[in-house]
Amino acid sequence: MMVSTVRGTVAIFLLIGFFGFQTVCDSEDMATTEAPVVAKDRQLERFDYDSVVQVEQLIKDLNYTPEAWQAGIREVPRLYIANIPLHWREKTSKELDVQTKKRVFFQFLRPLVLHSNELIQADRDRIKLIVTALRSGAAVSSEDQAFLREMATTYKVVEGDADLTDRTLQNTLLRRVDTLPPSLVLAQAAEESGWGTSRFATEGNALFGMWTWSEKGVAPLQQRPELGNYKIASYETPLQSVVAYMNNLNTHQAYRKLRARRAELRKAGVKVSGRELANTLTCYSERGQAYVNSLQSIIKMNKLQLADDAYLGDGPTILLIAVGEGTN
């Protein structure tokens, strides 16, 4: 085992690659909204492990144990797995009883889901500030205008130049740049990756079975020729997979019902739940309603709704990296 400490935002860059943080330059002539602090000067620790015992001890040290969770402690450490080790699929998951396997899977995916939501919420908060300024007739800096255009493009609201004062654009953007209930994300990851034991998960950190027709992906062993030369999208880290999945639900036309229902609940002041949004995902799988029923069952049986109240702690970011024979 090796633990090393550095400073800065490099941890997040390593984890999410091209999904980096926005920086805002000062403007001489007008105010710029302050970017929400997500990647502050947080301590970063790299934790190399080659045995389950080492990880179990780390979990105890962080008070992130099953006992703490059952006691109602919802603070989650910033513990980010750098990959899904082959050892998990080939050995470790098979040695655990079913309940323990599921608990471990959720335990290590939970911080990634919360951080992905943290990134989205930071962008959403800034967008709301800019939109408020635009609607009040206040001057908006060139940096903020560029940010809003970038978000509109990233979330596929418009292509190219856009009228930022257009309320339809603003409303559509706010409907898309929004968080997802952790319970839903955890349930879909479990369903799509077989609790992280699928070949796609260990070879490509793919947790949600998202298809791609690009070169970067893992080809199915039994590909369906009538659907083209598709692959399962692969990622450098599990966090990239979570970020890409959230972007997919927040932008693809197949999930517009999810976004509409989420917006309705927000407007009504009702908590957005995973079980409620799962009702809108009949298009995610060819199984249709049976798939929705499965997601809702996973949420209920594993009490994943408790994760909707979880939050990331203010401690250091810890990169959990598997080393040694059979772990990579």
Protein backbone atom coordinates (compact mmCIF):
# COMPACT_ATOMS: atom_id res chain seq x y z
CA MET A 1 0.00 0.00 0.00
CA MET A 2 1.17 3.53 -0.74
CA VAL A 3 -0.39 6.82 0.27
CA SER A 4 0.89 10.08 -1.16
CA THR A 5 -0.42 13.62 -0.76
CA VAL A 6 -0.44 16.51 -3.23
CA ARG A 7 -2.46 19.69 -3.61
CA GLY A 8 -4.76 21.22 -6.20
CA THR A 9 -7.34 20.13 -8.74
CA VAL A 10 -5.27 17.52 -10.57
CA ALA A 11 -7.31 14.74 -8.92
CA ILE A 12 -10.45 15.77 -10.70
CA PHE A 13 -8.64 16.14 -14.01
CA LEU A 14 -7.28 12.63 -13.70
CA LEU A 15 -10.73 11.31 -12.91
CA ILE A 16 -12.89 13.07 -15.46
CA GLY A 17 -10.41 13.86 -18.21
CA PHE A 18 -11.83 16.36 -20.66
CA PHE A 19 -14.76 17.21 -18.37
CA GLY A 20 -12.72 19.92 -16.66
CA PHE A 21 -13.65 22.90 -14.58
CA GLN A 22 -14.52 26.32 -15.89
CA THR A 23 -12.37 29.28 -14.91
CA VAL A 24 -13.52 32.88 -15.06
CA CYS A 25 -11.26 35.84 -15.91
CA ASP A 26 -11.85 39.23 -14.37
CA SER A 27 -13.58 41.76 -16.60
CA GLU A 28 -12.52 45.38 -16.57
CA ASP A 29 -15.84 46.88 -17.60
CA MET A 30 -18.54 44.79 -15.98
CA ALA A 31 -19.04 42.28 -13.23
CA THR A 32 -18.73 38.56 -13.81
CA THR A 33 -20.75 36.10 -11.78
CA GLU A 34 -18.58 34.21 -9.36
CA ALA A 35 -18.13 30.60 -10.40
CA PRO A 36 -19.31 28.26 -7.63
CA VAL A 37 -16.40 26.68 -5.80
CA VAL A 38 -16.18 23.02 -6.72
CA ALA A 39 -12.49 22.32 -7.15
CA LYS A 40 -10.94 24.41 -4.44
CA ASP A 41 -7.44 23.86 -3.12
CA ARG A 42 -8.44 20.50 -1.72
CA GLN A 43 -5.93 18.04 -0.37
CA LEU A 44 -5.44 15.05 -2.66
CA GLU A 45 -4.33 11.66 -1.46
CA ARG A 46 -3.49 8.70 -3.65
CA PHE A 47 -4.26 5.37 -2.00
CA ASP A 48 -2.72 2.33 -3.71
CA TYR A 49 -4.07 -1.00 -2.54
CA ASP A 50 -3.53 -4.65 -3.36
CA SER A 51 -5.84 -6.29 -0.84
CA VAL A 52 -9.40 -6.00 0.42
CA VAL A 53 -8.11 -5.66 3.98
CA GLN A 54 -6.40 -2.36 3.14
CA VAL A 55 -9.58 -0.95 1.66
CA GLU A 56 -11.67 -2.10 4.61
CA GLN A 57 -9.32 -0.30 6.99
CA LEU A 58 -9.53 2.88 4.93
CA ILE A 59 -13.32 2.69 5.05
CA LYS A 60 -13.19 2.39 8.84
CA ASP A 61 -10.79 5.30 9.13
CA LEU A 62 -13.20 7.45 7.09
CA ASN A 63 -16.22 6.31 9.13
CA TYR A 64 -17.85 5.23 5.87
CA THR A 65 -18.92 1.87 7.22
CA PRO A 66 -22.24 0.03 6.82
CA GLU A 67 -22.85 0.66 10.52
CA ALA A 68 -22.43 4.42 10.08
CA TRP A 69 -24.79 4.39 7.10
CA GLN A 70 -27.40 2.41 9.01
CA ALA A 71 -27.06 4.86 11.90
CA GLY A 72 -28.19 7.63 9.57
CA ILE A 73 -24.84 9.23 8.75
CA ARG A 74 -25.19 10.46 5.17
CA GLU A 75 -21.84 12.20 4.80
CA VAL A 76 -19.87 10.49 2.03
CA PRO A 77 -16.08 10.86 1.72
CA ARG A 78 -14.55 12.02 -1.55
CA LEU A 79 -13.27 8.53 -2.25
CA TYR A 80 -12.95 8.05 -6.01
CA ILE A 81 -12.06 4.75 -7.64
CA ALA A 82 -9.71 5.25 -10.59
CA ASN A 83 -10.94 2.13 -12.38
CA ILE A 84 -13.01 -1.00 -11.95
CA PRO A 85 -10.38 -3.68 -11.37
CA LEU A 86 -10.54 -6.99 -13.20
CA HIS A 87 -10.04 -8.62 -9.83
CA TRP A 88 -13.52 -7.44 -8.82
CA ARG A 89 -15.18 -9.36 -11.64
CA GLU A 90 -12.99 -12.46 -11.60
CA LYS A 91 -12.56 -13.06 -7.89
CA THR A 92 -13.65 -10.59 -5.22
CA SER A 93 -17.32 -10.29 -6.20
CA LYS A 94 -17.60 -14.08 -6.38
CA GLU A 95 -16.22 -14.51 -2.88
CA LEU A 96 -18.75 -12.15 -1.32
CA ASP A 97 -22.34 -12.97 -0.46
CA VAL A 98 -24.91 -11.18 -2.61
CA GLN A 99 -25.82 -8.50 -0.07
CA THR A 100 -22.19 -7.62 0.63
CA LYS A 101 -21.38 -7.47 -3.08
CA LYS A 102 -24.23 -5.05 -3.68
CA ARG A 103 -23.32 -2.95 -0.66
CA VAL A 104 -19.68 -2.62 -1.77
CA PHE A 105 -20.73 -1.68 -5.29
CA PHE A 106 -23.02 1.10 -4.07
CA GLN A 107 -20.51 2.23 -1.47
CA PHE A 108 -17.81 2.99 -4.03
CA LEU A 109 -20.10 4.32 -6.74
CA ARG A 110 -21.94 6.72 -4.43
CA PRO A 111 -19.11 9.32 -4.22
CA LEU A 112 -18.83 9.41 -8.02
CA VAL A 113 -22.55 10.05 -8.40
CA LEU A 114 -22.52 12.80 -5.81
CA HIS A 115 -19.52 14.47 -7.42
CA SER A 116 -21.11 14.34 -10.87
CA ASN A 117 -24.18 16.04 -9.42
CA GLU A 118 -21.90 18.56 -7.72
CA LEU A 119 -20.44 19.53 -11.09
CA ILE A 120 -23.89 19.92 -12.62
CA GLN A 121 -25.19 21.93 -9.68
CA ALA A 122 -22.25 24.32 -9.93
CA ASP A 123 -23.05 25.00 -13.59
CA ARG A 124 -26.77 25.28 -12.84
CA ASP A 125 -26.19 27.81 -10.07
CA ARG A 126 -24.07 29.97 -12.34
CA ILE A 127 -26.59 29.74 -15.19
CA LYS A 128 -29.39 30.86 -12.87
CA LEU A 129 -27.36 33.90 -11.79
CA ILE A 130 -26.68 34.86 -15.40
CA VAL A 131 -30.30 34.33 -16.46
CA THR A 132 -31.50 36.46 -13.55
CA ALA A 133 -29.14 39.23 -14.64
CA LEU A 134 -30.30 39.01 -18.25
CA ARG A 135 -33.97 39.15 -17.30
CA SER A 136 -33.43 42.15 -15.05
CA GLY A 137 -31.66 44.05 -17.82
CA ALA A 138 -28.34 44.11 -15.98
CA ALA A 139 -25.06 44.10 -17.90
CA VAL A 140 -23.62 40.62 -18.37
CA SER A 141 -19.90 40.15 -18.90
CA SER A 142 -18.44 38.61 -22.02
CA GLU A 143 -17.15 35.74 -19.89
CA ASP A 144 -20.64 34.95 -18.65
CA GLN A 145 -22.08 35.21 -22.14
CA ALA A 146 -19.44 32.80 -23.43
CA PHE A 147 -20.17 30.42 -20.56
CA LEU A 148 -23.91 30.47 -21.27
CA ARG A 149 -23.32 29.81 -24.97
CA GLU A 150 -20.98 26.95 -24.13
CA MET A 151 -23.57 25.40 -21.83
CA ALA A 152 -26.26 25.81 -24.50
CA THR A 153 -24.03 23.96 -26.96
CA THR A 154 -22.87 21.29 -24.50
CA TYR A 155 -26.45 20.53 -23.53
CA LYS A 156 -27.59 20.57 -27.17
CA VAL A 157 -30.03 23.43 -26.79
CA VAL A 158 -28.62 25.35 -29.77
CA GLU A 159 -25.78 25.16 -32.25
CA GLY A 160 -23.58 28.17 -32.94
CA ASP A 161 -24.62 31.70 -32.01
CA ALA A 162 -27.73 32.08 -29.92
CA ASP A 163 -29.89 34.86 -28.56
CA LEU A 164 -29.10 34.57 -24.87
CA THR A 165 -32.08 36.74 -23.97
CA ASP A 166 -34.48 34.20 -25.47
CA ARG A 167 -36.53 32.87 -22.55
CA THR A 168 -37.28 29.60 -24.31
CA LEU A 169 -33.54 28.98 -24.61
CA GLN A 170 -33.02 29.89 -20.96
CA ASN A 171 -35.84 27.67 -19.73
CA THR A 172 -34.74 24.74 -21.88
CA LEU A 173 -31.18 25.07 -20.63
CA LEU A 174 -32.25 25.13 -16.99
CA ARG A 175 -34.45 22.11 -17.60
CA ARG A 176 -31.43 20.21 -18.92
CA VAL A 177 -28.67 21.40 -16.59
CA ASP A 178 -30.02 19.70 -13.50
CA THR A 179 -29.03 16.95 -11.12
CA LEU A 180 -30.33 13.39 -10.99
CA PRO A 181 -31.43 11.44 -7.90
CA PRO A 182 -28.51 9.25 -6.77
CA SER A 183 -30.95 6.39 -6.19
CA LEU A 184 -31.79 6.31 -9.90
CA VAL A 185 -28.16 6.50 -11.01
CA LEU A 186 -27.10 3.73 -8.63
CA ALA A 187 -29.97 1.49 -9.73
CA GLN A 188 -29.20 1.93 -13.43
CA ALA A 189 -25.50 1.31 -12.89
CA ALA A 190 -26.29 -1.91 -11.02
CA GLU A 191 -28.74 -3.06 -13.69
CA GLU A 192 -26.56 -2.18 -16.67
CA SER A 193 -23.20 -3.39 -15.34
CA GLY A 194 -24.22 -6.38 -13.25
CA TRP A 195 -22.97 -4.68 -10.09
CA GLY A 196 -19.77 -3.72 -11.88
CA THR A 197 -18.94 -7.28 -12.94
CA SER A 198 -19.67 -7.02 -16.67
CA ARG A 199 -16.87 -7.22 -19.22
CA PHE A 200 -17.75 -3.72 -20.36
CA ALA A 201 -17.28 -2.43 -16.80
CA THR A 202 -13.85 -3.94 -16.25
CA GLU A 203 -12.52 -3.38 -19.78
CA GLY A 204 -13.95 0.09 -20.33
CA ASN A 205 -15.26 1.43 -17.00
CA ALA A 206 -18.67 1.36 -18.71
CA LEU A 207 -21.42 1.33 -16.11
CA PHE A 208 -24.52 2.26 -18.10
CA GLY A 209 -24.43 0.27 -21.34
CA MET A 210 -24.36 3.35 -23.55
CA TRP A 211 -23.80 2.61 -27.24
CA THR A 212 -21.35 4.33 -29.55
CA TRP A 213 -20.45 4.06 -33.21
CA SER A 214 -17.03 5.62 -32.68
CA GLU A 215 -13.72 3.82 -32.37
CA LYS A 216 -13.58 4.22 -28.59
CA GLY A 217 -15.59 1.40 -27.17
CA VAL A 218 -15.81 -2.28 -26.28
CA ALA A 219 -17.35 -4.50 -28.94
CA PRO A 220 -20.04 -6.95 -27.79
CA LEU A 221 -19.10 -10.60 -28.21
CA GLN A 222 -22.39 -11.19 -30.02
CA GLN A 223 -22.92 -8.06 -32.08
CA ARG A 224 -26.18 -7.57 -33.95
CA PRO A 225 -25.19 -6.79 -37.57
CA GLU A 226 -28.54 -5.20 -38.42
CA LEU A 227 -27.76 -2.41 -35.94
CA GLY A 228 -24.42 -1.47 -37.46
CA ASN A 229 -20.88 -1.52 -36.12
CA TYR A 230 -21.78 -0.36 -32.64
CA LYS A 231 -19.81 -0.69 -29.43
CA ILE A 232 -20.38 -0.03 -25.76
CA ALA A 233 -18.80 3.34 -25.00
CA SER A 234 -15.67 3.05 -22.86
CA TYR A 235 -14.11 5.55 -20.48
CA GLU A 236 -10.78 6.16 -18.82
CA THR A 237 -12.40 6.28 -15.38
CA PRO A 238 -15.73 5.29 -13.82
CA LEU A 239 -16.39 8.97 -13.10
CA GLN A 240 -16.25 9.74 -16.81
CA SER A 241 -18.89 7.06 -17.31
CA VAL A 242 -21.18 8.64 -14.72
CA VAL A 243 -20.71 12.15 -16.15
CA ALA A 244 -21.43 10.93 -19.70
CA TYR A 245 -24.55 9.05 -18.54
CA MET A 246 -25.94 12.12 -16.78
CA ASN A 247 -25.27 14.23 -19.85
CA ASN A 248 -27.10 11.64 -21.95
CA LEU A 249 -30.22 11.74 -19.77
CA ASN A 250 -30.05 15.53 -19.69
CA THR A 251 -29.79 16.00 -23.46
CA HIS A 252 -31.11 13.07 -25.52
CA GLN A 253 -34.61 13.49 -26.92
CA ALA A 254 -35.50 9.98 -25.76
CA TYR A 255 -35.42 11.23 -22.16
CA ARG A 256 -37.35 14.46 -22.55
CA LYS A 257 -40.15 12.98 -20.39
CA LEU A 258 -37.65 12.54 -17.56
CA ARG A 259 -36.59 16.18 -17.83
CA ALA A 260 -40.20 17.35 -18.02
CA ARG A 261 -41.22 15.34 -14.96
CA ARG A 262 -38.20 16.55 -13.01
CA ALA A 263 -39.06 20.16 -13.87
CA GLU A 264 -42.68 19.61 -12.78
CA LEU A 265 -41.56 18.25 -9.42
CA ARG A 266 -39.12 21.11 -8.92
CA LYS A 267 -41.82 23.68 -9.71
CA ALA A 268 -44.21 22.01 -7.27
CA GLY A 269 -41.55 21.96 -4.56
CA VAL A 270 -41.67 18.17 -4.41
CA LYS A 271 -38.54 16.11 -3.84
CA VAL A 272 -37.29 14.48 -7.04
CA SER A 273 -37.03 10.74 -6.41
CA GLY A 274 -35.38 7.97 -8.35
CA ARG A 275 -38.50 5.80 -8.33
CA GLU A 276 -40.55 8.65 -9.78
CA LEU A 277 -38.11 9.43 -12.60
CA ALA A 278 -37.63 5.73 -13.35
CA ASN A 279 -41.21 5.76 -14.66
CA THR A 280 -40.02 7.86 -17.61
CA LEU A 281 -37.25 5.50 -18.74
CA THR A 282 -39.14 2.98 -20.85
CA CYS A 283 -37.00 4.03 -23.82
CA TYR A 284 -33.69 3.30 -22.09
CA SER A 285 -34.00 -0.43 -22.69
CA GLU A 286 -35.76 -2.67 -25.18
CA ARG A 287 -37.40 -4.25 -22.14
CA GLY A 288 -39.57 -1.17 -21.73
CA GLN A 289 -41.82 -1.28 -18.67
CA ALA A 290 -40.12 -4.43 -17.39
CA TYR A 291 -36.89 -2.43 -17.24
CA VAL A 292 -38.61 0.33 -15.27
CA ASN A 293 -40.04 -2.23 -12.87
CA SER A 294 -36.57 -3.69 -12.37
CA LEU A 295 -35.08 -0.28 -11.54
CA GLN A 296 -37.82 0.46 -9.04
CA SER A 297 -37.33 -2.94 -7.45
CA ILE A 298 -33.58 -2.35 -7.10
CA ILE A 299 -34.22 1.02 -5.47
CA LYS A 300 -36.76 -0.42 -3.04
CA MET A 301 -34.95 -3.65 -2.16
CA ASN A 302 -31.63 -1.90 -1.55
CA LYS A 303 -33.10 1.20 0.12
CA LEU A 304 -31.34 3.39 -2.41
CA GLN A 305 -33.69 6.28 -1.66
CA LEU A 306 -31.47 6.92 1.37
CA ALA A 307 -28.70 7.95 -1.02
CA ASP A 308 -30.85 10.86 -2.19
CA ASP A 309 -30.09 12.53 1.15
CA ALA A 310 -26.35 11.86 0.99
CA TYR A 311 -23.77 14.60 0.55
CA LEU A 312 -20.02 14.82 0.00
CA GLY A 313 -17.87 15.67 2.98
CA ASP A 314 -15.35 18.48 3.01
CA GLY A 315 -12.38 16.19 3.53
CA PRO A 316 -9.57 15.39 1.11
CA THR A 317 -10.05 13.82 -2.29
CA ILE A 318 -8.75 10.25 -2.19
CA LEU A 319 -7.88 8.41 -5.40
CA LEU A 320 -8.34 4.70 -4.85
CA ILE A 321 -6.02 2.82 -7.21
CA ALA A 322 -5.77 -0.96 -7.50
CA VAL A 323 -2.22 -2.26 -7.92
CA GLY A 324 -0.60 -5.66 -7.95
CA GLU A 325 -1.32 -8.91 -9.73
CA GLY A 326 -4.90 -9.40 -10.86
CA THR A 327 -6.14 -5.96 -9.89
CA ASN A 328 -5.79 -4.17 -13.24
